[in-house]
Amino acid sequence: MEDRAKGNAREWLISGTVAAGSNRRASKRRLRDATGSLILIGGGATATGEPIASFIRDTEARDGAPIVGFTTASSQVSLAREMWLSDLKRAGATNVAIPMVESREQASDPEIVEQVQRARGIFLGGGDQVKLVSCLSGTPLAEAIREAYLDGAIVCGTSAGAAALTKTTLAGNEVDEEGKLVEQYIGPGLGLLGYHTLVDTHFTQRRRLYRLFVAIAEFPALMGLGIDEDTALIVKREIGTVVGNGGVTFVDGNSVRYNNASDVTKGPELTISSLRVGIVGTGQKFNLRKRELEALLGSGESH
């Protein structure tokens, strides 16, 4: 049943992506002109932690600015909704709503779309990023989130909610709770974060560095961003600032000299040389377009 559900989700994702692409082509507004910001949390966020505090502070939610959240990615949407309503209010939000969105029909509800259009902050909870993208992609709700971001809204995603915000989304290629290897999935995301990036979450805690190596070996033009738990990368235009208790690991494939990913048939055969890997610590800024620390760019150094 679960495999069938995931297969259906991927079918929806393909059809939804076509529709989403049509919507974006019809719009002359480009993401590089966005006046909003993205808060990408690596999961494990708490109501009292700095990542959620940054979201509340930047949206002015303590002063009544409206926040709209979605727990669509969760396997238990209603339970996750109650949890995040409680946590966001505990963090200081005084005007927060989390409408139930479990289907593409609900993602086309004009009242929910209007809530997003009025929101200062938009929150996407964790779960399964493929489920989230397949449900929202190409719908009026997804377009409303994009337009709100262009107009200055703060869009915050945690765990799957963060992974889904890129143009390309990563999932799978790790062992599930039953001990079975889940096939790697790399496909379209919601498209708010460009710069040819992939976002991975729970990064240090779930030892996902090798997963990111494999993904970048297959798609070396991409840059992987591994975000630790209770840690956020706050992105304004091309600059990302790290806040919270951990760091952000970047994996850049642009300088790879040897890569046999297209030839291997088994994981242990993978060989890749000259991947560029670094860690961005709390308080540091990283230029996503130039793929380098702002501290180095400011000093005139380069890689």
C-alpha atoms as a PDB file:
ATOM      1  CA  MET A   1       0.000   0.000   0.000  1.00  0.00           C
ATOM      2  CA  GLU A   2       2.795   2.403   0.903  1.00  0.00           C
ATOM      3  CA  ASP A   3       4.666   1.649  -2.349  1.00  0.00           C
ATOM      4  CA  ARG A   4       1.476   2.241  -4.323  1.00  0.00           C
ATOM      5  CA  ALA A   5       0.931   5.560  -2.539  1.00  0.00           C
ATOM      6  CA  LYS A   6       4.473   6.655  -3.342  1.00  0.00           C
ATOM      7  CA  GLY A   7       3.970   5.634  -6.959  1.00  0.00           C
ATOM      8  CA  ASN A   8       0.800   7.714  -7.135  1.00  0.00           C
ATOM      9  CA  ALA A   9       2.630  10.633  -5.553  1.00  0.00           C
ATOM     10  CA  ARG A  10       5.284  10.497  -8.245  1.00  0.00           C
ATOM     11  CA  GLU A  11       2.613  10.381 -10.988  1.00  0.00           C
ATOM     12  CA  TRP A  12       1.006  13.455  -9.465  1.00  0.00           C
ATOM     13  CA  LEU A  13       4.420  15.079  -9.253  1.00  0.00           C
ATOM     14  CA  ILE A  14       5.061  14.609 -12.955  1.00  0.00           C
ATOM     15  CA  SER A  15       1.664  16.008 -13.994  1.00  0.00           C
ATOM     16  CA  GLY A  16       1.865  18.774 -11.418  1.00  0.00           C
ATOM     17  CA  THR A  17       5.293  19.820 -12.552  1.00  0.00           C
ATOM     18  CA  VAL A  18       4.058  20.286 -16.114  1.00  0.00           C
ATOM     19  CA  ALA A  19       1.323  22.567 -14.831  1.00  0.00           C
ATOM     20  CA  ALA A  20       3.730  24.399 -12.555  1.00  0.00           C
ATOM     21  CA  GLY A  21       6.114  24.948 -15.437  1.00  0.00           C
ATOM     22  CA  SER A  22       3.284  26.441 -17.468  1.00  0.00           C
ATOM     23  CA  ASN A  23       2.397  28.819 -14.641  1.00  0.00           C
ATOM     24  CA  ARG A  24       5.986  29.976 -14.274  1.00  0.00           C
ATOM     25  CA  ARG A  25       6.400  30.511 -18.001  1.00  0.00           C
ATOM     26  CA  ALA A  26       3.279  32.666 -18.000  1.00  0.00           C
ATOM     27  CA  SER A  27       4.716  34.879 -15.272  1.00  0.00           C
ATOM     28  CA  LYS A  28       7.288  37.485 -16.235  1.00  0.00           C
ATOM     29  CA  ARG A  29       8.406  37.842 -12.633  1.00  0.00           C
ATOM     30  CA  ARG A  30      11.702  36.142 -11.827  1.00  0.00           C
ATOM     31  CA  LEU A  31      12.852  34.634  -8.557  1.00  0.00           C
ATOM     32  CA  ARG A  32      16.011  36.736  -8.556  1.00  0.00           C
ATOM     33  CA  ASP A  33      13.752  39.762  -8.112  1.00  0.00           C
ATOM     34  CA  ALA A  34      12.074  38.306  -4.998  1.00  0.00           C
ATOM     35  CA  THR A  35      11.913  40.641  -2.004  1.00  0.00           C
ATOM     36  CA  GLY A  36      11.033  37.912   0.478  1.00  0.00           C
ATOM     37  CA  SER A  37      13.341  35.469   2.222  1.00  0.00           C
ATOM     38  CA  LEU A  38      13.572  31.730   2.807  1.00  0.00           C
ATOM     39  CA  ILE A  39      14.250  30.082   6.156  1.00  0.00           C
ATOM     40  CA  LEU A  40      15.447  26.522   5.556  1.00  0.00           C
ATOM     41  CA  ILE A  41      15.472  24.505   8.777  1.00  0.00           C
ATOM     42  CA  GLY A  42      17.190  21.132   8.965  1.00  0.00           C
ATOM     43  CA  GLY A  43      14.449  19.573  11.095  1.00  0.00           C
ATOM     44  CA  GLY A  44      14.404  19.035  14.846  1.00  0.00           C
ATOM     45  CA  ALA A  45      13.182  22.604  15.320  1.00  0.00           C
ATOM     46  CA  THR A  46      11.839  23.616  18.718  1.00  0.00           C
ATOM     47  CA  ALA A  47       9.501  26.426  19.690  1.00  0.00           C
ATOM     48  CA  THR A  48      12.294  28.057  21.689  1.00  0.00           C
ATOM     49  CA  GLY A  49      15.132  27.520  19.186  1.00  0.00           C
ATOM     50  CA  GLU A  50      16.738  30.236  17.100  1.00  0.00           C
ATOM     51  CA  PRO A  51      15.444  29.011  13.685  1.00  0.00           C
ATOM     52  CA  ILE A  52      11.779  29.332  14.683  1.00  0.00           C
ATOM     53  CA  ALA A  53      12.553  32.508  16.629  1.00  0.00           C
ATOM     54  CA  SER A  54      14.029  33.986  13.441  1.00  0.00           C
ATOM     55  CA  PHE A  55      10.842  33.159  11.545  1.00  0.00           C
ATOM     56  CA  ILE A  56       8.661  34.752  14.222  1.00  0.00           C
ATOM     57  CA  ARG A  57      10.909  37.810  14.424  1.00  0.00           C
ATOM     58  CA  ASP A  58      11.263  38.357  10.673  1.00  0.00           C
ATOM     59  CA  THR A  59       7.531  38.040  10.063  1.00  0.00           C
ATOM     60  CA  GLU A  60       6.673  40.336  13.013  1.00  0.00           C
ATOM     61  CA  ALA A  61       4.296  37.597  14.136  1.00  0.00           C
ATOM     62  CA  ARG A  62       4.369  38.783  17.760  1.00  0.00           C
ATOM     63  CA  ASP A  63       2.707  41.994  16.588  1.00  0.00           C
ATOM     64  CA  GLY A  64      -0.134  40.201  14.832  1.00  0.00           C
ATOM     65  CA  ALA A  65       1.241  39.695  11.323  1.00  0.00           C
ATOM     66  CA  PRO A  66      -0.559  36.658   9.836  1.00  0.00           C
ATOM     67  CA  ILE A  67       1.193  33.300   9.433  1.00  0.00           C
ATOM     68  CA  VAL A  68      -0.232  30.443   7.382  1.00  0.00           C
ATOM     69  CA  GLY A  69       1.196  26.952   7.738  1.00  0.00           C
ATOM     70  CA  PHE A  70       0.824  23.619   5.956  1.00  0.00           C
ATOM     71  CA  THR A  71       1.550  20.142   7.314  1.00  0.00           C
ATOM     72  CA  THR A  72       0.800  18.448   3.992  1.00  0.00           C
ATOM     73  CA  ALA A  73       4.118  16.571   3.989  1.00  0.00           C
ATOM     74  CA  SER A  74       3.268  14.683   7.178  1.00  0.00           C
ATOM     75  CA  SER A  75       1.868  11.163   7.239  1.00  0.00           C
ATOM     76  CA  GLN A  76      -0.437  12.431  10.004  1.00  0.00           C
ATOM     77  CA  VAL A  77      -1.489  15.834   8.706  1.00  0.00           C
ATOM     78  CA  SER A  78      -4.016  16.585  11.448  1.00  0.00           C
ATOM     79  CA  LEU A  79      -1.703  15.596  14.317  1.00  0.00           C
ATOM     80  CA  ALA A  80       1.184  17.618  12.849  1.00  0.00           C
ATOM     81  CA  ARG A  81      -1.192  20.550  12.413  1.00  0.00           C
ATOM     82  CA  GLU A  82      -2.082  20.579  16.109  1.00  0.00           C
ATOM     83  CA  MET A  83       1.560  20.292  17.116  1.00  0.00           C
ATOM     84  CA  TRP A  84       2.713  23.193  14.943  1.00  0.00           C
ATOM     85  CA  LEU A  85      -0.215  25.392  15.903  1.00  0.00           C
ATOM     86  CA  SER A  86       0.831  24.928  19.517  1.00  0.00           C
ATOM     87  CA  ASP A  87       4.561  25.441  18.864  1.00  0.00           C
ATOM     88  CA  LEU A  88       4.160  28.533  16.682  1.00  0.00           C
ATOM     89  CA  LYS A  89       1.873  30.130  19.261  1.00  0.00           C
ATOM     90  CA  ARG A  90       4.327  29.197  21.995  1.00  0.00           C
ATOM     91  CA  ALA A  91       7.085  30.833  19.954  1.00  0.00           C
ATOM     92  CA  GLY A  92       5.090  34.067  19.959  1.00  0.00           C
ATOM     93  CA  ALA A  93       2.833  34.026  16.893  1.00  0.00           C
ATOM     94  CA  THR A  94      -0.493  35.670  17.680  1.00  0.00           C
ATOM     95  CA  ASN A  95      -2.229  35.246  14.325  1.00  0.00           C
ATOM     96  CA  VAL A  96      -1.522  31.786  12.918  1.00  0.00           C
ATOM     97  CA  ALA A  97      -3.663  29.420  10.857  1.00  0.00           C
ATOM     98  CA  ILE A  98      -2.890  25.961   9.482  1.00  0.00           C
ATOM     99  CA  PRO A  99      -5.637  24.911   7.060  1.00  0.00           C
ATOM    100  CA  MET A 100      -5.943  21.235   6.200  1.00  0.00           C
ATOM    101  CA  VAL A 101      -4.455  20.519   2.786  1.00  0.00           C
ATOM    102  CA  GLU A 102      -4.193  16.833   1.959  1.00  0.00           C
ATOM    103  CA  SER A 103      -5.183  16.878  -1.715  1.00  0.00           C
ATOM    104  CA  ARG A 104      -4.712  18.891  -4.876  1.00  0.00           C
ATOM    105  CA  GLU A 105      -8.394  19.810  -4.687  1.00  0.00           C
ATOM    106  CA  GLN A 106      -7.828  21.435  -1.292  1.00  0.00           C
ATOM    107  CA  ALA A 107      -4.722  23.129  -2.716  1.00  0.00           C
ATOM    108  CA  SER A 108      -7.064  24.825  -5.199  1.00  0.00           C
ATOM    109  CA  ASP A 109      -9.439  26.179  -2.552  1.00  0.00           C
ATOM    110  CA  PRO A 110      -9.813  29.956  -3.151  1.00  0.00           C
ATOM    111  CA  GLU A 111     -10.176  30.671   0.579  1.00  0.00           C
ATOM    112  CA  ILE A 112      -6.875  28.951   1.387  1.00  0.00           C
ATOM    113  CA  VAL A 113      -5.185  30.713  -1.521  1.00  0.00           C
ATOM    114  CA  GLU A 114      -6.468  34.031  -0.187  1.00  0.00           C
ATOM    115  CA  GLN A 115      -5.030  33.249   3.258  1.00  0.00           C
ATOM    116  CA  VAL A 116      -1.604  32.808   1.674  1.00  0.00           C
ATOM    117  CA  GLN A 117      -1.967  36.029  -0.289  1.00  0.00           C
ATOM    118  CA  ARG A 118      -2.559  37.935   2.951  1.00  0.00           C
ATOM    119  CA  ALA A 119       0.164  36.157   4.937  1.00  0.00           C
ATOM    120  CA  ARG A 120       3.404  37.736   6.072  1.00  0.00           C
ATOM    121  CA  GLY A 121       4.837  34.296   6.815  1.00  0.00           C
ATOM    122  CA  ILE A 122       4.272  30.865   5.244  1.00  0.00           C
ATOM    123  CA  PHE A 123       5.369  27.712   7.071  1.00  0.00           C
ATOM    124  CA  LEU A 124       5.868  24.210   5.629  1.00  0.00           C
ATOM    125  CA  GLY A 125       6.226  21.340   8.084  1.00  0.00           C
ATOM    126  CA  GLY A 126       8.150  18.091   7.780  1.00  0.00           C
ATOM    127  CA  GLY A 127       7.395  14.596   6.539  1.00  0.00           C
ATOM    128  CA  ASP A 128       7.839  13.455   2.929  1.00  0.00           C
ATOM    129  CA  GLN A 129       9.003  16.093   0.456  1.00  0.00           C
ATOM    130  CA  VAL A 130       7.790  14.066  -2.533  1.00  0.00           C
ATOM    131  CA  LYS A 131       4.302  13.956  -1.006  1.00  0.00           C
ATOM    132  CA  LEU A 132       4.401  17.697  -0.392  1.00  0.00           C
ATOM    133  CA  VAL A 133       5.549  18.624  -3.891  1.00  0.00           C
ATOM    134  CA  SER A 134       3.176  16.213  -5.598  1.00  0.00           C
ATOM    135  CA  CYS A 135       0.238  17.699  -3.697  1.00  0.00           C
ATOM    136  CA  LEU A 136       1.079  21.376  -4.214  1.00  0.00           C
ATOM    137  CA  SER A 137       3.009  21.627  -7.477  1.00  0.00           C
ATOM    138  CA  GLY A 138       1.074  23.317 -10.250  1.00  0.00           C
ATOM    139  CA  THR A 139      -1.847  24.298  -8.011  1.00  0.00           C
ATOM    140  CA  PRO A 140      -3.155  27.793  -7.217  1.00  0.00           C
ATOM    141  CA  LEU A 141      -1.755  27.355  -3.696  1.00  0.00           C
ATOM    142  CA  ALA A 142       1.792  26.763  -4.964  1.00  0.00           C
ATOM    143  CA  GLU A 143       1.524  29.780  -7.249  1.00  0.00           C
ATOM    144  CA  ALA A 144       0.218  31.901  -4.348  1.00  0.00           C
ATOM    145  CA  ILE A 145       3.197  30.881  -2.198  1.00  0.00           C
ATOM    146  CA  ARG A 146       5.575  31.826  -4.997  1.00  0.00           C
ATOM    147  CA  GLU A 147       3.896  35.182  -5.583  1.00  0.00           C
ATOM    148  CA  ALA A 148       3.865  35.934  -1.858  1.00  0.00           C
ATOM    149  CA  TYR A 149       7.602  35.225  -1.703  1.00  0.00           C
ATOM    150  CA  LEU A 150       8.218  37.521  -4.668  1.00  0.00           C
ATOM    151  CA  ASP A 151       6.242  40.246  -2.896  1.00  0.00           C
ATOM    152  CA  GLY A 152       8.183  40.016   0.381  1.00  0.00           C
ATOM    153  CA  ALA A 153       6.721  37.167   2.425  1.00  0.00           C
ATOM    154  CA  ILE A 154       8.949  34.963   4.600  1.00  0.00           C
ATOM    155  CA  VAL A 155       8.701  31.298   3.581  1.00  0.00           C
ATOM    156  CA  CYS A 156       9.953  28.858   6.208  1.00  0.00           C
ATOM    157  CA  GLY A 157      10.309  25.123   5.726  1.00  0.00           C
ATOM    158  CA  THR A 158      11.540  22.519   8.173  1.00  0.00           C
ATOM    159  CA  SER A 159      12.878  19.081   7.194  1.00  0.00           C
ATOM    160  CA  ALA A 160      10.790  18.005   4.152  1.00  0.00           C
ATOM    161  CA  GLY A 161       9.367  21.510   4.014  1.00  0.00           C
ATOM    162  CA  ALA A 162      12.887  22.870   3.473  1.00  0.00           C
ATOM    163  CA  ALA A 163      13.956  20.143   1.029  1.00  0.00           C
ATOM    164  CA  ALA A 164      10.894  20.848  -1.140  1.00  0.00           C
ATOM    165  CA  LEU A 165      11.642  24.550  -1.612  1.00  0.00           C
ATOM    166  CA  THR A 166      14.444  24.040  -4.124  1.00  0.00           C
ATOM    167  CA  LYS A 167      13.953  23.646  -7.870  1.00  0.00           C
ATOM    168  CA  THR A 168      15.368  20.120  -7.532  1.00  0.00           C
ATOM    169  CA  THR A 169      14.402  17.884  -4.612  1.00  0.00           C
ATOM    170  CA  LEU A 170      16.324  14.993  -3.051  1.00  0.00           C
ATOM    171  CA  ALA A 171      14.796  12.036  -1.202  1.00  0.00           C
ATOM    172  CA  GLY A 172      15.528   8.359  -0.536  1.00  0.00           C
ATOM    173  CA  ASN A 173      18.832   6.461  -0.865  1.00  0.00           C
ATOM    174  CA  GLU A 174      18.825   5.402   2.757  1.00  0.00           C
ATOM    175  CA  VAL A 175      17.518   2.546   4.868  1.00  0.00           C
ATOM    176  CA  ASP A 176      13.946   2.886   6.149  1.00  0.00           C
ATOM    177  CA  GLU A 177      12.548   1.762   9.518  1.00  0.00           C
ATOM    178  CA  GLU A 178      12.079  -1.783   8.171  1.00  0.00           C
ATOM    179  CA  GLY A 179      15.716  -2.031   7.111  1.00  0.00           C
ATOM    180  CA  LYS A 180      14.983  -1.708   3.389  1.00  0.00           C
ATOM    181  CA  LEU A 181      16.964   0.591   1.101  1.00  0.00           C
ATOM    182  CA  VAL A 182      14.699   3.283  -0.336  1.00  0.00           C
ATOM    183  CA  GLU A 183      15.511   4.145  -3.939  1.00  0.00           C
ATOM    184  CA  GLN A 184      17.049   7.576  -4.448  1.00  0.00           C
ATOM    185  CA  TYR A 185      14.693  10.169  -5.865  1.00  0.00           C
ATOM    186  CA  ILE A 186      15.846  13.415  -7.460  1.00  0.00           C
ATOM    187  CA  GLY A 187      13.097  15.406  -9.139  1.00  0.00           C
ATOM    188  CA  PRO A 188      11.294  18.741  -9.349  1.00  0.00           C
ATOM    189  CA  GLY A 189      10.650  20.771  -6.217  1.00  0.00           C
ATOM    190  CA  LEU A 190       8.551  23.850  -5.539  1.00  0.00           C
ATOM    191  CA  GLY A 191      11.233  26.019  -7.102  1.00  0.00           C
ATOM    192  CA  LEU A 192      11.639  28.942  -4.696  1.00  0.00           C
ATOM    193  CA  LEU A 193      15.368  28.389  -4.149  1.00  0.00           C
ATOM    194  CA  GLY A 194      17.467  28.407  -7.311  1.00  0.00           C
ATOM    195  CA  TYR A 195      21.258  28.542  -7.730  1.00  0.00           C
ATOM    196  CA  HIS A 196      21.287  24.862  -8.790  1.00  0.00           C
ATOM    197  CA  THR A 197      20.975  23.625  -5.219  1.00  0.00           C
ATOM    198  CA  LEU A 198      19.775  20.518  -3.409  1.00  0.00           C
ATOM    199  CA  VAL A 199      18.812  20.690   0.264  1.00  0.00           C
ATOM    200  CA  ASP A 200      19.308  17.747   2.631  1.00  0.00           C
ATOM    201  CA  THR A 201      18.173  17.887   6.255  1.00  0.00           C
ATOM    202  CA  HIS A 202      18.851  16.193   9.632  1.00  0.00           C
ATOM    203  CA  PHE A 203      22.276  16.174   8.065  1.00  0.00           C
ATOM    204  CA  THR A 204      24.854  15.405  10.744  1.00  0.00           C
ATOM    205  CA  GLN A 205      22.370  13.602  12.967  1.00  0.00           C
ATOM    206  CA  ARG A 206      21.437  11.070  10.255  1.00  0.00           C
ATOM    207  CA  ARG A 207      24.913  10.860   8.690  1.00  0.00           C
ATOM    208  CA  ARG A 208      23.741  11.914   5.254  1.00  0.00           C
ATOM    209  CA  LEU A 209      27.048  13.110   3.811  1.00  0.00           C
ATOM    210  CA  TYR A 210      27.455  10.025   1.620  1.00  0.00           C
ATOM    211  CA  ARG A 211      23.882  10.433   0.339  1.00  0.00           C
ATOM    212  CA  LEU A 212      24.749  13.953  -0.767  1.00  0.00           C
ATOM    213  CA  PHE A 213      27.995  12.734  -2.364  1.00  0.00           C
ATOM    214  CA  VAL A 214      25.998  10.234  -4.440  1.00  0.00           C
ATOM    215  CA  ALA A 215      23.463  12.866  -5.506  1.00  0.00           C
ATOM    216  CA  ILE A 216      26.125  15.354  -6.583  1.00  0.00           C
ATOM    217  CA  ALA A 217      28.125  12.617  -8.338  1.00  0.00           C
ATOM    218  CA  GLU A 218      25.050  11.937 -10.480  1.00  0.00           C
ATOM    219  CA  PHE A 219      24.298  15.633 -11.008  1.00  0.00           C
ATOM    220  CA  PRO A 220      27.641  17.474 -10.643  1.00  0.00           C
ATOM    221  CA  ALA A 221      26.230  20.820 -11.776  1.00  0.00           C
ATOM    222  CA  LEU A 222      24.217  20.931  -8.554  1.00  0.00           C
ATOM    223  CA  MET A 223      25.434  22.066  -5.128  1.00  0.00           C
ATOM    224  CA  GLY A 224      24.253  20.156  -2.090  1.00  0.00           C
ATOM    225  CA  LEU A 225      23.386  21.929   1.161  1.00  0.00           C
ATOM    226  CA  GLY A 226      23.218  19.678   4.209  1.00  0.00           C
ATOM    227  CA  ILE A 227      21.489  21.447   7.104  1.00  0.00           C
ATOM    228  CA  ASP A 228      21.829  20.171  10.682  1.00  0.00           C
ATOM    229  CA  GLU A 229      18.918  19.859  13.081  1.00  0.00           C
ATOM    230  CA  ASP A 230      17.707  22.957  14.941  1.00  0.00           C
ATOM    231  CA  THR A 231      19.739  24.948  12.429  1.00  0.00           C
ATOM    232  CA  ALA A 232      18.577  27.214   9.617  1.00  0.00           C
ATOM    233  CA  LEU A 233      19.974  28.771   6.484  1.00  0.00           C
ATOM    234  CA  ILE A 234      18.234  32.125   6.059  1.00  0.00           C
ATOM    235  CA  VAL A 235      18.378  33.094   2.386  1.00  0.00           C
ATOM    236  CA  LYS A 236      17.900  36.639   1.115  1.00  0.00           C
ATOM    237  CA  ARG A 237      18.572  36.790  -2.602  1.00  0.00           C
ATOM    238  CA  GLU A 238      21.879  34.929  -3.089  1.00  0.00           C
ATOM    239  CA  ILE A 239      23.157  35.235   0.507  1.00  0.00           C
ATOM    240  CA  GLY A 240      22.479  32.534   3.089  1.00  0.00           C
ATOM    241  CA  THR A 241      23.148  33.125   6.805  1.00  0.00           C
ATOM    242  CA  VAL A 242      23.445  30.218   9.249  1.00  0.00           C
ATOM    243  CA  VAL A 243      21.644  30.394  12.601  1.00  0.00           C
ATOM    244  CA  GLY A 244      20.975  27.818  15.305  1.00  0.00           C
ATOM    245  CA  ASN A 245      22.848  25.006  17.003  1.00  0.00           C
ATOM    246  CA  GLY A 246      24.628  23.387  14.071  1.00  0.00           C
ATOM    247  CA  GLY A 247      26.090  24.140  10.690  1.00  0.00           C
ATOM    248  CA  VAL A 248      25.451  23.817   6.967  1.00  0.00           C
ATOM    249  CA  THR A 249      27.644  21.542   4.853  1.00  0.00           C
ATOM    250  CA  PHE A 250      28.060  22.369   1.181  1.00  0.00           C
ATOM    251  CA  VAL A 251      29.097  19.890  -1.504  1.00  0.00           C
ATOM    252  CA  ASP A 252      30.086  21.493  -4.811  1.00  0.00           C
ATOM    253  CA  GLY A 253      30.655  19.315  -7.886  1.00  0.00           C
ATOM    254  CA  ASN A 254      31.922  22.012 -10.231  1.00  0.00           C
ATOM    255  CA  SER A 255      35.594  21.146  -9.738  1.00  0.00           C
ATOM    256  CA  VAL A 256      35.276  17.334  -9.992  1.00  0.00           C
ATOM    257  CA  ARG A 257      38.163  15.772 -11.931  1.00  0.00           C
ATOM    258  CA  TYR A 258      37.088  12.114 -11.913  1.00  0.00           C
ATOM    259  CA  ASN A 259      33.564  10.743 -11.557  1.00  0.00           C
ATOM    260  CA  ASN A 260      32.358   7.245 -12.499  1.00  0.00           C
ATOM    261  CA  ALA A 261      28.743   7.685 -11.319  1.00  0.00           C
ATOM    262  CA  SER A 262      27.368   7.006 -14.811  1.00  0.00           C
ATOM    263  CA  ASP A 263      29.140   3.645 -14.980  1.00  0.00           C
ATOM    264  CA  VAL A 264      28.687   2.113 -11.526  1.00  0.00           C
ATOM    265  CA  THR A 265      26.171  -0.646 -10.850  1.00  0.00           C
ATOM    266  CA  LYS A 266      26.801  -0.961  -7.121  1.00  0.00           C
ATOM    267  CA  GLY A 267      27.167   1.754  -4.483  1.00  0.00           C
ATOM    268  CA  PRO A 268      30.660   0.708  -3.293  1.00  0.00           C
ATOM    269  CA  GLU A 269      31.985   1.187  -6.846  1.00  0.00           C
ATOM    270  CA  LEU A 270      31.392   4.941  -6.777  1.00  0.00           C
ATOM    271  CA  THR A 271      34.623   6.910  -7.207  1.00  0.00           C
ATOM    272  CA  ILE A 272      34.751  10.671  -7.326  1.00  0.00           C
ATOM    273  CA  SER A 273      37.710  13.028  -6.980  1.00  0.00           C
ATOM    274  CA  SER A 274      37.997  16.715  -6.124  1.00  0.00           C
ATOM    275  CA  LEU A 275      34.536  17.304  -4.743  1.00  0.00           C
ATOM    276  CA  ARG A 276      34.645  20.627  -2.944  1.00  0.00           C
ATOM    277  CA  VAL A 277      33.231  20.279   0.574  1.00  0.00           C
ATOM    278  CA  GLY A 278      32.977  22.808   3.368  1.00  0.00           C
ATOM    279  CA  ILE A 279      31.045  23.702   6.506  1.00  0.00           C
ATOM    280  CA  VAL A 280      29.394  27.046   7.181  1.00  0.00           C
ATOM    281  CA  GLY A 281      29.097  27.712  10.890  1.00  0.00           C
ATOM    282  CA  THR A 282      26.620  29.705  12.927  1.00  0.00           C
ATOM    283  CA  GLY A 283      26.689  33.413  12.111  1.00  0.00           C
ATOM    284  CA  GLN A 284      28.584  32.933   8.835  1.00  0.00           C
ATOM    285  CA  LYS A 285      27.262  34.025   5.441  1.00  0.00           C
ATOM    286  CA  PHE A 286      27.483  31.978   2.263  1.00  0.00           C
ATOM    287  CA  ASN A 287      27.058  33.251  -1.296  1.00  0.00           C
ATOM    288  CA  LEU A 288      24.928  30.684  -3.115  1.00  0.00           C
ATOM    289  CA  ARG A 289      25.566  32.134  -6.547  1.00  0.00           C
ATOM    290  CA  LYS A 290      29.360  32.167  -6.163  1.00  0.00           C
ATOM    291  CA  ARG A 291      29.409  29.093  -3.908  1.00  0.00           C
ATOM    292  CA  GLU A 292      31.785  30.682  -1.438  1.00  0.00           C
ATOM    293  CA  LEU A 293      31.910  32.195   2.026  1.00  0.00           C
ATOM    294  CA  GLU A 294      31.202  35.901   2.059  1.00  0.00           C
ATOM    295  CA  ALA A 295      34.209  36.296   4.374  1.00  0.00           C
ATOM    296  CA  LEU A 296      36.481  35.120   1.559  1.00  0.00           C
ATOM    297  CA  LEU A 297      34.745  37.087  -1.172  1.00  0.00           C
ATOM    298  CA  GLY A 298      34.989  40.229   0.907  1.00  0.00           C
ATOM    299  CA  SER A 299      38.756  39.743   1.337  1.00  0.00           C
ATOM    300  CA  GLY A 300      39.273  39.335  -2.383  1.00  0.00           C
ATOM    301  CA  GLU A 301      40.138  35.637  -2.129  1.00  0.00           C
ATOM    302  CA  SER A 302      38.447  32.998  -4.249  1.00  0.00           C
ATOM    303  CA  HIS A 303      38.465  29.257  -4.729  1.00  0.00           C
END
